[in-house]
Amino acid sequence: MIFLSIYQELLYFLGSSKAFSERISKSIPSKNIGEEQLSEVKDITFAITLANKYIPWNNRCRHQAWQAIYLLNRAGIPYEYHVGVKKGNLIEGHSWVKVIGDFVSGVCEENNYYSIN
């Protein structure tokens, strides 16, 4: 996960559109996934959480979402990508990724945000 974080920052530095979650997102919600895919989702969620704890730089929600999207796309697992602004504070944004209704990254109270995508 640390290497994905570095990779994403490098893409951003080089001006690549692939550095943005919106550019790589293939958000396709699904109600059913197999046991093997569900296990992989749990591993991805754990890896993002663990990396966020130990990466020495600020691994913001948008970076975590990019990491989740990148890994879910590679695994062929359908997901939902959300971007929102906080109600009462339209300057504060947040992004999160969910698979079959469970958070993979960016855990939040969704009803505290206006969805903009």
PDB file of N, CA and C in Angstrom:
ATOM      1  N   MET A   1       0.821  -1.188   0.000  1.00  0.00           N
ATOM      2  CA  MET A   1       0.000   0.000   0.000  1.00  0.00           C
ATOM      3  C   MET A   1       0.867   1.254   0.000  1.00  0.00           C
ATOM      4  N   ILE A   2       1.993   1.185   0.674  1.00  0.00           N
ATOM      5  CA  ILE A   2       2.893   2.331   0.685  1.00  0.00           C
ATOM      6  C   ILE A   2       3.353   2.640  -0.740  1.00  0.00           C
ATOM      7  N   PHE A   3       3.632   1.592  -1.505  1.00  0.00           N
ATOM      8  CA  PHE A   3       4.071   1.798  -2.881  1.00  0.00           C
ATOM      9  C   PHE A   3       2.949   2.392  -3.733  1.00  0.00           C
ATOM     10  N   LEU A   4       1.707   2.003  -3.467  1.00  0.00           N
ATOM     11  CA  LEU A   4       0.580   2.598  -4.201  1.00  0.00           C
ATOM     12  C   LEU A   4       0.448   4.073  -3.870  1.00  0.00           C
ATOM     13  N   SER A   5       0.658   4.410  -2.622  1.00  0.00           N
ATOM     14  CA  SER A   5       0.582   5.805  -2.217  1.00  0.00           C
ATOM     15  C   SER A   5       1.673   6.622  -2.908  1.00  0.00           C
ATOM     16  N   ILE A   6       2.878   6.086  -2.951  1.00  0.00           N
ATOM     17  CA  ILE A   6       3.978   6.759  -3.632  1.00  0.00           C
ATOM     18  C   ILE A   6       3.690   6.866  -5.132  1.00  0.00           C
ATOM     19  N   TYR A   7       3.174   5.787  -5.715  1.00  0.00           N
ATOM     20  CA  TYR A   7       2.831   5.760  -7.139  1.00  0.00           C
ATOM     21  C   TYR A   7       1.806   6.839  -7.471  1.00  0.00           C
ATOM     22  N   GLN A   8       0.775   6.955  -6.641  1.00  0.00           N
ATOM     23  CA  GLN A   8      -0.268   7.954  -6.877  1.00  0.00           C
ATOM     24  C   GLN A   8       0.310   9.358  -6.783  1.00  0.00           C
ATOM     25  N   GLU A   9       1.173   9.612  -5.806  1.00  0.00           N
ATOM     26  CA  GLU A   9       1.796  10.926  -5.668  1.00  0.00           C
ATOM     27  C   GLU A   9       2.697  11.232  -6.861  1.00  0.00           C
ATOM     28  N   LEU A  10       3.396  10.220  -7.347  1.00  0.00           N
ATOM     29  CA  LEU A  10       4.245  10.391  -8.524  1.00  0.00           C
ATOM     30  C   LEU A  10       3.404  10.731  -9.757  1.00  0.00           C
ATOM     31  N   LEU A  11       2.288  10.025  -9.930  1.00  0.00           N
ATOM     32  CA  LEU A  11       1.384  10.336 -11.048  1.00  0.00           C
ATOM     33  C   LEU A  11       0.885  11.770 -10.954  1.00  0.00           C
ATOM     34  N   TYR A  12       0.535  12.190  -9.733  1.00  0.00           N
ATOM     35  CA  TYR A  12       0.058  13.551  -9.518  1.00  0.00           C
ATOM     36  C   TYR A  12       1.151  14.557  -9.859  1.00  0.00           C
ATOM     37  N   PHE A  13       2.361  14.296  -9.383  1.00  0.00           N
ATOM     38  CA  PHE A  13       3.496  15.181  -9.643  1.00  0.00           C
ATOM     39  C   PHE A  13       3.767  15.317 -11.139  1.00  0.00           C
ATOM     40  N   LEU A  14       3.618  14.211 -11.868  1.00  0.00           N
ATOM     41  CA  LEU A  14       3.870  14.212 -13.309  1.00  0.00           C
ATOM     42  C   LEU A  14       2.698  14.770 -14.112  1.00  0.00           C
ATOM     43  N   GLY A  15       1.580  15.076 -13.430  1.00  0.00           N
ATOM     44  CA  GLY A  15       0.426  15.659 -14.103  1.00  0.00           C
ATOM     45  C   GLY A  15      -0.449  14.654 -14.831  1.00  0.00           C
ATOM     46  N   SER A  16      -0.352  13.390 -14.461  1.00  0.00           N
ATOM     47  CA  SER A  16      -1.149  12.354 -15.112  1.00  0.00           C
ATOM     48  C   SER A  16      -2.592  12.385 -14.617  1.00  0.00           C
ATOM     49  N   SER A  17      -3.527  12.217 -15.541  1.00  0.00           N
ATOM     50  CA  SER A  17      -4.940  12.163 -15.159  1.00  0.00           C
ATOM     51  C   SER A  17      -5.241  10.906 -14.346  1.00  0.00           C
ATOM     52  N   LYS A  18      -4.367   9.901 -14.433  1.00  0.00           N
ATOM     53  CA  LYS A  18      -4.560   8.659 -13.672  1.00  0.00           C
ATOM     54  C   LYS A  18      -4.329   8.853 -12.177  1.00  0.00           C
ATOM     55  N   ALA A  19      -3.892  10.037 -11.768  1.00  0.00           N
ATOM     56  CA  ALA A  19      -3.664  10.327 -10.353  1.00  0.00           C
ATOM     57  C   ALA A  19      -4.970  10.645  -9.630  1.00  0.00           C
ATOM     58  N   PHE A  20      -6.061  10.755 -10.365  1.00  0.00           N
ATOM     59  CA  PHE A  20      -7.336  11.159  -9.779  1.00  0.00           C
ATOM     60  C   PHE A  20      -8.337  10.013  -9.814  1.00  0.00           C
ATOM     61  N   SER A  21      -8.990   9.787  -8.688  1.00  0.00           N
ATOM     62  CA  SER A  21      -9.964   8.701  -8.569  1.00  0.00           C
ATOM     63  C   SER A  21     -11.042   8.786  -9.635  1.00  0.00           C
ATOM     64  N   GLU A  22     -11.470  10.009  -9.948  1.00  0.00           N
ATOM     65  CA  GLU A  22     -12.528  10.191 -10.932  1.00  0.00           C
ATOM     66  C   GLU A  22     -12.118   9.671 -12.306  1.00  0.00           C
ATOM     67  N   ARG A  23     -10.829   9.693 -12.601  1.00  0.00           N
ATOM     68  CA  ARG A  23     -10.330   9.250 -13.909  1.00  0.00           C
ATOM     69  C   ARG A  23     -10.203   7.734 -14.017  1.00  0.00           C
ATOM     70  N   ILE A  24     -10.001   7.068 -12.893  1.00  0.00           N
ATOM     71  CA  ILE A  24      -9.822   5.611 -12.955  1.00  0.00           C
ATOM     72  C   ILE A  24     -11.057   4.862 -12.466  1.00  0.00           C
ATOM     73  N   SER A  25     -12.052   5.599 -11.984  1.00  0.00           N
ATOM     74  CA  SER A  25     -13.239   4.971 -11.414  1.00  0.00           C
ATOM     75  C   SER A  25     -14.117   4.326 -12.471  1.00  0.00           C
ATOM     76  N   LYS A  26     -14.526   3.107 -12.178  1.00  0.00           N
ATOM     77  CA  LYS A  26     -15.494   2.376 -13.000  1.00  0.00           C
ATOM     78  C   LYS A  26     -16.601   1.924 -12.056  1.00  0.00           C
ATOM     79  N   SER A  27     -17.146   2.892 -11.328  1.00  0.00           N
ATOM     80  CA  SER A  27     -18.086   2.622 -10.255  1.00  0.00           C
ATOM     81  C   SER A  27     -19.317   1.872 -10.765  1.00  0.00           C
ATOM     82  N   ILE A  28     -19.422   0.617 -10.363  1.00  0.00           N
ATOM     83  CA  ILE A  28     -20.552  -0.225 -10.746  1.00  0.00           C
ATOM     84  C   ILE A  28     -21.058  -0.919  -9.493  1.00  0.00           C
ATOM     85  N   PRO A  29     -22.128  -0.398  -8.890  1.00  0.00           N
ATOM     86  CA  PRO A  29     -22.616  -1.035  -7.668  1.00  0.00           C
ATOM     87  C   PRO A  29     -23.127  -2.451  -7.933  1.00  0.00           C
ATOM     88  N   SER A  30     -22.904  -3.310  -6.978  1.00  0.00           N
ATOM     89  CA  SER A  30     -23.356  -4.689  -7.108  1.00  0.00           C
ATOM     90  C   SER A  30     -23.874  -5.171  -5.767  1.00  0.00           C
ATOM     91  N   LYS A  31     -24.925  -5.932  -5.812  1.00  0.00           N
ATOM     92  CA  LYS A  31     -25.491  -6.476  -4.580  1.00  0.00           C
ATOM     93  C   LYS A  31     -24.885  -7.837  -4.241  1.00  0.00           C
ATOM     94  N   ASN A  32     -24.303  -8.499  -5.231  1.00  0.00           N
ATOM     95  CA  ASN A  32     -23.769  -9.840  -5.004  1.00  0.00           C
ATOM     96  C   ASN A  32     -22.334  -9.947  -5.506  1.00  0.00           C
ATOM     97  N   ILE A  33     -21.477 -10.448  -4.621  1.00  0.00           N
ATOM     98  CA  ILE A  33     -20.128 -10.811  -5.037  1.00  0.00           C
ATOM     99  C   ILE A  33     -19.809 -12.147  -4.376  1.00  0.00           C
ATOM    100  N   GLY A  34     -18.870 -12.857  -4.957  1.00  0.00           N
ATOM    101  CA  GLY A  34     -18.519 -14.176  -4.446  1.00  0.00           C
ATOM    102  C   GLY A  34     -17.717 -14.113  -3.160  1.00  0.00           C
ATOM    103  N   GLU A  35     -17.590 -15.256  -2.506  1.00  0.00           N
ATOM    104  CA  GLU A  35     -16.844 -15.351  -1.255  1.00  0.00           C
ATOM    105  C   GLU A  35     -15.379 -14.956  -1.454  1.00  0.00           C
ATOM    106  N   GLU A  36     -14.793 -15.381  -2.568  1.00  0.00           N
ATOM    107  CA  GLU A  36     -13.395 -15.046  -2.832  1.00  0.00           C
ATOM    108  C   GLU A  36     -13.225 -13.538  -2.996  1.00  0.00           C
ATOM    109  N   GLN A  37     -14.148 -12.905  -3.722  1.00  0.00           N
ATOM    110  CA  GLN A  37     -14.083 -11.455  -3.895  1.00  0.00           C
ATOM    111  C   GLN A  37     -14.325 -10.739  -2.561  1.00  0.00           C
ATOM    112  N   LEU A  38     -15.247 -11.239  -1.762  1.00  0.00           N
ATOM    113  CA  LEU A  38     -15.520 -10.645  -0.457  1.00  0.00           C
ATOM    114  C   LEU A  38     -14.280 -10.709   0.432  1.00  0.00           C
ATOM    115  N   SER A  39     -13.570 -11.824   0.375  1.00  0.00           N
ATOM    116  CA  SER A  39     -12.330 -11.968   1.131  1.00  0.00           C
ATOM    117  C   SER A  39     -11.289 -10.963   0.650  1.00  0.00           C
ATOM    118  N   GLU A  40     -11.220 -10.770  -0.653  1.00  0.00           N
ATOM    119  CA  GLU A  40     -10.269  -9.809  -1.214  1.00  0.00           C
ATOM    120  C   GLU A  40     -10.625  -8.377  -0.799  1.00  0.00           C
ATOM    121  N   VAL A  41     -11.926  -8.065  -0.754  1.00  0.00           N
ATOM    122  CA  VAL A  41     -12.372  -6.741  -0.295  1.00  0.00           C
ATOM    123  C   VAL A  41     -11.927  -6.514   1.147  1.00  0.00           C
ATOM    124  N   LYS A  42     -12.076  -7.519   1.983  1.00  0.00           N
ATOM    125  CA  LYS A  42     -11.652  -7.398   3.383  1.00  0.00           C
ATOM    126  C   LYS A  42     -10.149  -7.168   3.470  1.00  0.00           C
ATOM    127  N   ASP A  43      -9.378  -7.850   2.631  1.00  0.00           N
ATOM    128  CA  ASP A  43      -7.928  -7.656   2.613  1.00  0.00           C
ATOM    129  C   ASP A  43      -7.561  -6.247   2.165  1.00  0.00           C
ATOM    130  N   ILE A  44      -8.256  -5.742   1.149  1.00  0.00           N
ATOM    131  CA  ILE A  44      -8.001  -4.380   0.651  1.00  0.00           C
ATOM    132  C   ILE A  44      -8.326  -3.354   1.736  1.00  0.00           C
ATOM    133  N   THR A  45      -9.462  -3.533   2.392  1.00  0.00           N
ATOM    134  CA  THR A  45      -9.871  -2.632   3.469  1.00  0.00           C
ATOM    135  C   THR A  45      -8.836  -2.636   4.588  1.00  0.00           C
ATOM    136  N   PHE A  46      -8.384  -3.822   4.972  1.00  0.00           N
ATOM    137  CA  PHE A  46      -7.378  -3.956   6.026  1.00  0.00           C
ATOM    138  C   PHE A  46      -6.076  -3.278   5.614  1.00  0.00           C
ATOM    139  N   ALA A  47      -5.651  -3.484   4.374  1.00  0.00           N
ATOM    140  CA  ALA A  47      -4.394  -2.900   3.890  1.00  0.00           C
ATOM    141  C   ALA A  47      -4.452  -1.374   3.903  1.00  0.00           C
ATOM    142  N   ILE A  48      -5.572  -0.812   3.484  1.00  0.00           N
ATOM    143  CA  ILE A  48      -5.726   0.650   3.473  1.00  0.00           C
ATOM    144  C   ILE A  48      -5.703   1.188   4.901  1.00  0.00           C
ATOM    145  N   THR A  49      -6.409   0.528   5.791  1.00  0.00           N
ATOM    146  CA  THR A  49      -6.449   0.944   7.197  1.00  0.00           C
ATOM    147  C   THR A  49      -5.062   0.863   7.824  1.00  0.00           C
ATOM    148  N   LEU A  50      -4.363  -0.242   7.576  1.00  0.00           N
ATOM    149  CA  LEU A  50      -3.030  -0.429   8.131  1.00  0.00           C
ATOM    150  C   LEU A  50      -2.042   0.588   7.564  1.00  0.00           C
ATOM    151  N   ALA A  51      -2.078   0.786   6.262  1.00  0.00           N
ATOM    152  CA  ALA A  51      -1.178   1.761   5.630  1.00  0.00           C
ATOM    153  C   ALA A  51      -1.446   3.159   6.164  1.00  0.00           C
ATOM    154  N   ASN A  52      -2.708   3.508   6.343  1.00  0.00           N
ATOM    155  CA  ASN A  52      -3.060   4.830   6.848  1.00  0.00           C
ATOM    156  C   ASN A  52      -2.475   5.058   8.238  1.00  0.00           C
ATOM    157  N   LYS A  53      -2.382   3.996   8.998  1.00  0.00           N
ATOM    158  CA  LYS A  53      -1.852   4.092  10.358  1.00  0.00           C
ATOM    159  C   LYS A  53      -0.339   4.323  10.373  1.00  0.00           C
ATOM    160  N   TYR A  54       0.365   3.757   9.391  1.00  0.00           N
ATOM    161  CA  TYR A  54       1.824   3.773   9.426  1.00  0.00           C
ATOM    162  C   TYR A  54       2.511   4.638   8.374  1.00  0.00           C
ATOM    163  N   ILE A  55       1.800   5.079   7.344  1.00  0.00           N
ATOM    164  CA  ILE A  55       2.422   5.958   6.345  1.00  0.00           C
ATOM    165  C   ILE A  55       2.759   7.278   7.037  1.00  0.00           C
ATOM    166  N   PRO A  56       3.994   7.751   6.888  1.00  0.00           N
ATOM    167  CA  PRO A  56       4.411   8.949   7.627  1.00  0.00           C
ATOM    168  C   PRO A  56       3.837  10.266   7.085  1.00  0.00           C
ATOM    169  N   TRP A  57       3.173  10.242   5.941  1.00  0.00           N
ATOM    170  CA  TRP A  57       2.544  11.450   5.417  1.00  0.00           C
ATOM    171  C   TRP A  57       1.030  11.305   5.540  1.00  0.00           C
ATOM    172  N   ASN A  58       0.323  12.390   5.295  1.00  0.00           N
ATOM    173  CA  ASN A  58      -1.129  12.400   5.446  1.00  0.00           C
ATOM    174  C   ASN A  58      -1.777  11.657   4.276  1.00  0.00           C
ATOM    175  N   ASN A  59      -2.282  10.472   4.540  1.00  0.00           N
ATOM    176  CA  ASN A  59      -2.960   9.651   3.529  1.00  0.00           C
ATOM    177  C   ASN A  59      -4.449  10.020   3.549  1.00  0.00           C
ATOM    178  N   ARG A  60      -4.775  11.133   2.929  1.00  0.00           N
ATOM    179  CA  ARG A  60      -6.129  11.702   2.970  1.00  0.00           C
ATOM    180  C   ARG A  60      -7.170  10.761   2.355  1.00  0.00           C
ATOM    181  N   CYS A  61      -8.423  11.081   2.578  1.00  0.00           N
ATOM    182  CA  CYS A  61      -9.529  10.247   2.092  1.00  0.00           C
ATOM    183  C   CYS A  61      -9.463  10.061   0.579  1.00  0.00           C
ATOM    184  N   ARG A  62      -9.089  11.109  -0.156  1.00  0.00           N
ATOM    185  CA  ARG A  62      -9.030  10.974  -1.620  1.00  0.00           C
ATOM    186  C   ARG A  62      -7.915  10.029  -2.040  1.00  0.00           C
ATOM    187  N   HIS A  63      -6.826  10.001  -1.277  1.00  0.00           N
ATOM    188  CA  HIS A  63      -5.745   9.064  -1.572  1.00  0.00           C
ATOM    189  C   HIS A  63      -6.186   7.633  -1.253  1.00  0.00           C
ATOM    190  N   GLN A  64      -6.867   7.471  -0.141  1.00  0.00           N
ATOM    191  CA  GLN A  64      -7.371   6.149   0.232  1.00  0.00           C
ATOM    192  C   GLN A  64      -8.384   5.648  -0.792  1.00  0.00           C
ATOM    193  N   ALA A  65      -9.251   6.544  -1.261  1.00  0.00           N
ATOM    194  CA  ALA A  65     -10.231   6.158  -2.279  1.00  0.00           C
ATOM    195  C   ALA A  65      -9.526   5.723  -3.558  1.00  0.00           C
ATOM    196  N   TRP A  66      -8.492   6.461  -3.963  1.00  0.00           N
ATOM    197  CA  TRP A  66      -7.737   6.098  -5.163  1.00  0.00           C
ATOM    198  C   TRP A  66      -7.118   4.715  -4.993  1.00  0.00           C
ATOM    199  N   GLN A  67      -6.535   4.458  -3.829  1.00  0.00           N
ATOM    200  CA  GLN A  67      -5.918   3.159  -3.564  1.00  0.00           C
ATOM    201  C   GLN A  67      -6.961   2.040  -3.643  1.00  0.00           C
ATOM    202  N   ALA A  68      -8.126   2.274  -3.030  1.00  0.00           N
ATOM    203  CA  ALA A  68      -9.192   1.272  -3.059  1.00  0.00           C
ATOM    204  C   ALA A  68      -9.663   1.025  -4.492  1.00  0.00           C
ATOM    205  N   ILE A  69      -9.908   2.089  -5.236  1.00  0.00           N
ATOM    206  CA  ILE A  69     -10.382   1.969  -6.620  1.00  0.00           C
ATOM    207  C   ILE A  69      -9.363   1.231  -7.475  1.00  0.00           C
ATOM    208  N   TYR A  70      -8.108   1.582  -7.331  1.00  0.00           N
ATOM    209  CA  TYR A  70      -7.050   0.940  -8.100  1.00  0.00           C
ATOM    210  C   TYR A  70      -7.057  -0.577  -7.854  1.00  0.00           C
ATOM    211  N   LEU A  71      -7.093  -0.968  -6.589  1.00  0.00           N
ATOM    212  CA  LEU A  71      -7.047  -2.391  -6.248  1.00  0.00           C
ATOM    213  C   LEU A  71      -8.339  -3.120  -6.621  1.00  0.00           C
ATOM    214  N   LEU A  72      -9.484  -2.474  -6.436  1.00  0.00           N
ATOM    215  CA  LEU A  72     -10.763  -3.101  -6.788  1.00  0.00           C
ATOM    216  C   LEU A  72     -10.876  -3.272  -8.301  1.00  0.00           C
ATOM    217  N   ASN A  73     -10.414  -2.286  -9.063  1.00  0.00           N
ATOM    218  CA  ASN A  73     -10.409  -2.425 -10.528  1.00  0.00           C
ATOM    219  C   ASN A  73      -9.544  -3.601 -10.955  1.00  0.00           C
ATOM    220  N   ARG A  74      -8.362  -3.719 -10.369  1.00  0.00           N
ATOM    221  CA  ARG A  74      -7.451  -4.820 -10.719  1.00  0.00           C
ATOM    222  C   ARG A  74      -8.062  -6.182 -10.402  1.00  0.00           C
ATOM    223  N   ALA A  75      -8.848  -6.226  -9.318  1.00  0.00           N
ATOM    224  CA  ALA A  75      -9.470  -7.486  -8.909  1.00  0.00           C
ATOM    225  C   ALA A  75     -10.797  -7.731  -9.622  1.00  0.00           C
ATOM    226  N   GLY A  76     -11.296  -6.742 -10.361  1.00  0.00           N
ATOM    227  CA  GLY A  76     -12.568  -6.892 -11.064  1.00  0.00           C
ATOM    228  C   GLY A  76     -13.759  -6.914 -10.122  1.00  0.00           C
ATOM    229  N   ILE A  77     -13.646  -6.215  -9.009  1.00  0.00           N
ATOM    230  CA  ILE A  77     -14.715  -6.192  -8.001  1.00  0.00           C
ATOM    231  C   ILE A  77     -15.514  -4.908  -8.164  1.00  0.00           C
ATOM    232  N   PRO A  78     -16.836  -5.006  -8.327  1.00  0.00           N
ATOM    233  CA  PRO A  78     -17.673  -3.806  -8.463  1.00  0.00           C
ATOM    234  C   PRO A  78     -17.752  -3.033  -7.144  1.00  0.00           C
ATOM    235  N   TYR A  79     -17.858  -1.730  -7.250  1.00  0.00           N
ATOM    236  CA  TYR A  79     -17.858  -0.860  -6.073  1.00  0.00           C
ATOM    237  C   TYR A  79     -18.646   0.408  -6.366  1.00  0.00           C
ATOM    238  N   GLU A  80     -18.845   1.202  -5.332  1.00  0.00           N
ATOM    239  CA  GLU A  80     -19.460   2.519  -5.460  1.00  0.00           C
ATOM    240  C   GLU A  80     -18.451   3.553  -4.971  1.00  0.00           C
ATOM    241  N   TYR A  81     -18.210   4.564  -5.785  1.00  0.00           N
ATOM    242  CA  TYR A  81     -17.303   5.653  -5.420  1.00  0.00           C
ATOM    243  C   TYR A  81     -18.145   6.896  -5.168  1.00  0.00           C
ATOM    244  N   HIS A  82     -17.933   7.524  -4.013  1.00  0.00           N
ATOM    245  CA  HIS A  82     -18.720   8.693  -3.628  1.00  0.00           C
ATOM    246  C   HIS A  82     -17.814   9.873  -3.306  1.00  0.00           C
ATOM    247  N   VAL A  83     -18.274  11.051  -3.683  1.00  0.00           N
ATOM    248  CA  VAL A  83     -17.633  12.304  -3.309  1.00  0.00           C
ATOM    249  C   VAL A  83     -18.736  13.194  -2.763  1.00  0.00           C
ATOM    250  N   GLY A  84     -18.468  13.858  -1.650  1.00  0.00           N
ATOM    251  CA  GLY A  84     -19.476  14.716  -1.061  1.00  0.00           C
ATOM    252  C   GLY A  84     -18.873  15.930  -0.386  1.00  0.00           C
ATOM    253  N   VAL A  85     -19.724  16.885  -0.074  1.00  0.00           N
ATOM    254  CA  VAL A  85     -19.332  18.041   0.716  1.00  0.00           C
ATOM    255  C   VAL A  85     -20.152  18.029   1.989  1.00  0.00           C
ATOM    256  N   LYS A  86     -19.536  18.466   3.067  1.00  0.00           N
ATOM    257  CA  LYS A  86     -20.176  18.407   4.374  1.00  0.00           C
ATOM    258  C   LYS A  86     -21.332  19.411   4.453  1.00  0.00           C
ATOM    259  N   LYS A  87     -22.448  18.950   4.954  1.00  0.00           N
ATOM    260  CA  LYS A  87     -23.602  19.824   5.153  1.00  0.00           C
ATOM    261  C   LYS A  87     -23.229  20.894   6.173  1.00  0.00           C
ATOM    262  N   GLY A  88     -23.532  22.142   5.858  1.00  0.00           N
ATOM    263  CA  GLY A  88     -23.209  23.253   6.745  1.00  0.00           C
ATOM    264  C   GLY A  88     -21.792  23.778   6.559  1.00  0.00           C
ATOM    265  N   ASN A  89     -20.974  23.090   5.752  1.00  0.00           N
ATOM    266  CA  ASN A  89     -19.606  23.531   5.491  1.00  0.00           C
ATOM    267  C   ASN A  89     -19.218  23.059   4.091  1.00  0.00           C
ATOM    268  N   LEU A  90     -19.679  23.770   3.092  1.00  0.00           N
ATOM    269  CA  LEU A  90     -19.497  23.337   1.708  1.00  0.00           C
ATOM    270  C   LEU A  90     -18.044  23.376   1.236  1.00  0.00           C
ATOM    271  N   ILE A  91     -17.132  23.815   2.096  1.00  0.00           N
ATOM    272  CA  ILE A  91     -15.713  23.812   1.755  1.00  0.00           C
ATOM    273  C   ILE A  91     -15.095  22.457   2.091  1.00  0.00           C
ATOM    274  N   GLU A  92     -15.622  21.787   3.084  1.00  0.00           N
ATOM    275  CA  GLU A  92     -15.063  20.502   3.527  1.00  0.00           C
ATOM    276  C   GLU A  92     -15.619  19.356   2.690  1.00  0.00           C
ATOM    277  N   GLY A  93     -14.738  18.697   1.956  1.00  0.00           N
ATOM    278  CA  GLY A  93     -15.142  17.578   1.107  1.00  0.00           C
ATOM    279  C   GLY A  93     -14.673  16.250   1.679  1.00  0.00           C
ATOM    280  N   HIS A  94     -15.212  15.190   1.128  1.00  0.00           N
ATOM    281  CA  HIS A  94     -14.838  13.846   1.565  1.00  0.00           C
ATOM    282  C   HIS A  94     -15.117  12.871   0.420  1.00  0.00           C
ATOM    283  N   SER A  95     -14.322  11.817   0.345  1.00  0.00           N
ATOM    284  CA  SER A  95     -14.580  10.763  -0.642  1.00  0.00           C
ATOM    285  C   SER A  95     -14.483   9.419   0.051  1.00  0.00           C
ATOM    286  N   TRP A  96     -15.282   8.465  -0.460  1.00  0.00           N
ATOM    287  CA  TRP A  96     -15.304   7.135   0.131  1.00  0.00           C
ATOM    288  C   TRP A  96     -15.692   6.112  -0.919  1.00  0.00           C
ATOM    289  N   VAL A  97     -15.337   4.871  -0.627  1.00  0.00           N
ATOM    290  CA  VAL A  97     -15.608   3.757  -1.533  1.00  0.00           C
ATOM    291  C   VAL A  97     -16.317   2.674  -0.731  1.00  0.00           C
ATOM    292  N   LYS A  98     -17.353   2.098  -1.348  1.00  0.00           N
ATOM    293  CA  LYS A  98     -18.118   1.034  -0.694  1.00  0.00           C
ATOM    294  C   LYS A  98     -18.281  -0.157  -1.641  1.00  0.00           C
ATOM    295  N   VAL A  99     -18.328  -1.325  -1.056  1.00  0.00           N
ATOM    296  CA  VAL A  99     -18.634  -2.557  -1.783  1.00  0.00           C
ATOM    297  C   VAL A  99     -19.780  -3.223  -1.039  1.00  0.00           C
ATOM    298  N   ILE A 100     -20.825  -3.540  -1.756  1.00  0.00           N
ATOM    299  CA  ILE A 100     -22.080  -4.103  -1.225  1.00  0.00           C
ATOM    300  C   ILE A 100     -22.502  -3.437   0.092  1.00  0.00           C
ATOM    301  N   GLY A 101     -22.393  -2.103   0.093  1.00  0.00           N
ATOM    302  CA  GLY A 101     -22.867  -1.320   1.227  1.00  0.00           C
ATOM    303  C   GLY A 101     -21.882  -1.171   2.372  1.00  0.00           C
ATOM    304  N   ASP A 102     -20.718  -1.818   2.308  1.00  0.00           N
ATOM    305  CA  ASP A 102     -19.713  -1.712   3.361  1.00  0.00           C
ATOM    306  C   ASP A 102     -18.570  -0.822   2.904  1.00  0.00           C
ATOM    307  N   PHE A 103     -18.052  -0.012   3.832  1.00  0.00           N
ATOM    308  CA  PHE A 103     -16.947   0.888   3.521  1.00  0.00           C
ATOM    309  C   PHE A 103     -15.664   0.113   3.262  1.00  0.00           C
ATOM    310  N   VAL A 104     -14.964   0.518   2.211  1.00  0.00           N
ATOM    311  CA  VAL A 104     -13.619   0.025   1.941  1.00  0.00           C
ATOM    312  C   VAL A 104     -12.632   1.120   2.350  1.00  0.00           C
ATOM    313  N   SER A 105     -12.995   2.365   2.119  1.00  0.00           N
ATOM    314  CA  SER A 105     -12.182   3.511   2.544  1.00  0.00           C
ATOM    315  C   SER A 105     -13.101   4.680   2.861  1.00  0.00           C
ATOM    316  N   GLY A 106     -12.584   5.614   3.672  1.00  0.00           N
ATOM    317  CA  GLY A 106     -13.307   6.855   3.950  1.00  0.00           C
ATOM    318  C   GLY A 106     -14.535   6.711   4.824  1.00  0.00           C
ATOM    319  N   VAL A 107     -14.489   5.846   5.829  1.00  0.00           N
ATOM    320  CA  VAL A 107     -15.642   5.628   6.702  1.00  0.00           C
ATOM    321  C   VAL A 107     -16.157   6.969   7.225  1.00  0.00           C
ATOM    322  N   CYS A 108     -17.465   7.178   7.095  1.00  0.00           N
ATOM    323  CA  CYS A 108     -18.084   8.428   7.529  1.00  0.00           C
ATOM    324  C   CYS A 108     -19.581   8.207   7.752  1.00  0.00           C
ATOM    325  N   GLU A 109     -20.216   9.239   8.277  1.00  0.00           N
ATOM    326  CA  GLU A 109     -21.677   9.275   8.354  1.00  0.00           C
ATOM    327  C   GLU A 109     -22.159   9.905   7.058  1.00  0.00           C
ATOM    328  N   GLU A 110     -22.610   9.075   6.129  1.00  0.00           N
ATOM    329  CA  GLU A 110     -22.969   9.571   4.798  1.00  0.00           C
ATOM    330  C   GLU A 110     -24.029  10.651   4.821  1.00  0.00           C
ATOM    331  N   ASN A 111     -24.963  10.588   5.766  1.00  0.00           N
ATOM    332  CA  ASN A 111     -26.029  11.593   5.787  1.00  0.00           C
ATOM    333  C   ASN A 111     -25.528  12.954   6.277  1.00  0.00           C
ATOM    334  N   ASN A 112     -24.226  13.066   6.643  1.00  0.00           N
ATOM    335  CA  ASN A 112     -23.639  14.364   6.971  1.00  0.00           C
ATOM    336  C   ASN A 112     -23.072  15.060   5.736  1.00  0.00           C
ATOM    337  N   TYR A 113     -23.194  14.415   4.559  1.00  0.00           N
ATOM    338  CA  TYR A 113     -22.617  14.941   3.335  1.00  0.00           C
ATOM    339  C   TYR A 113     -23.654  15.021   2.215  1.00  0.00           C
ATOM    340  N   TYR A 114     -23.515  16.065   1.394  1.00  0.00           N
ATOM    341  CA  TYR A 114     -24.253  16.158   0.145  1.00  0.00           C
ATOM    342  C   TYR A 114     -23.409  15.445  -0.897  1.00  0.00           C
ATOM    343  N   SER A 115     -23.961  14.456  -1.556  1.00  0.00           N
ATOM    344  CA  SER A 115     -23.236  13.752  -2.597  1.00  0.00           C
ATOM    345  C   SER A 115     -23.166  14.633  -3.829  1.00  0.00           C
ATOM    346  N   ILE A 116     -21.972  14.729  -4.426  1.00  0.00           N
ATOM    347  CA  ILE A 116     -21.823  15.554  -5.630  1.00  0.00           C
ATOM    348  C   ILE A 116     -21.502  14.725  -6.852  1.00  0.00           C
ATOM    349  N   ASN A 117     -21.593  13.401  -6.733  1.00  0.00           N
ATOM    350  CA  ASN A 117     -21.377  12.583  -7.930  1.00  0.00           C
ATOM    351  C   ASN A 117     -22.490  11.565  -8.074  1.00  0.00           C
TER     352      ASN A 117
END
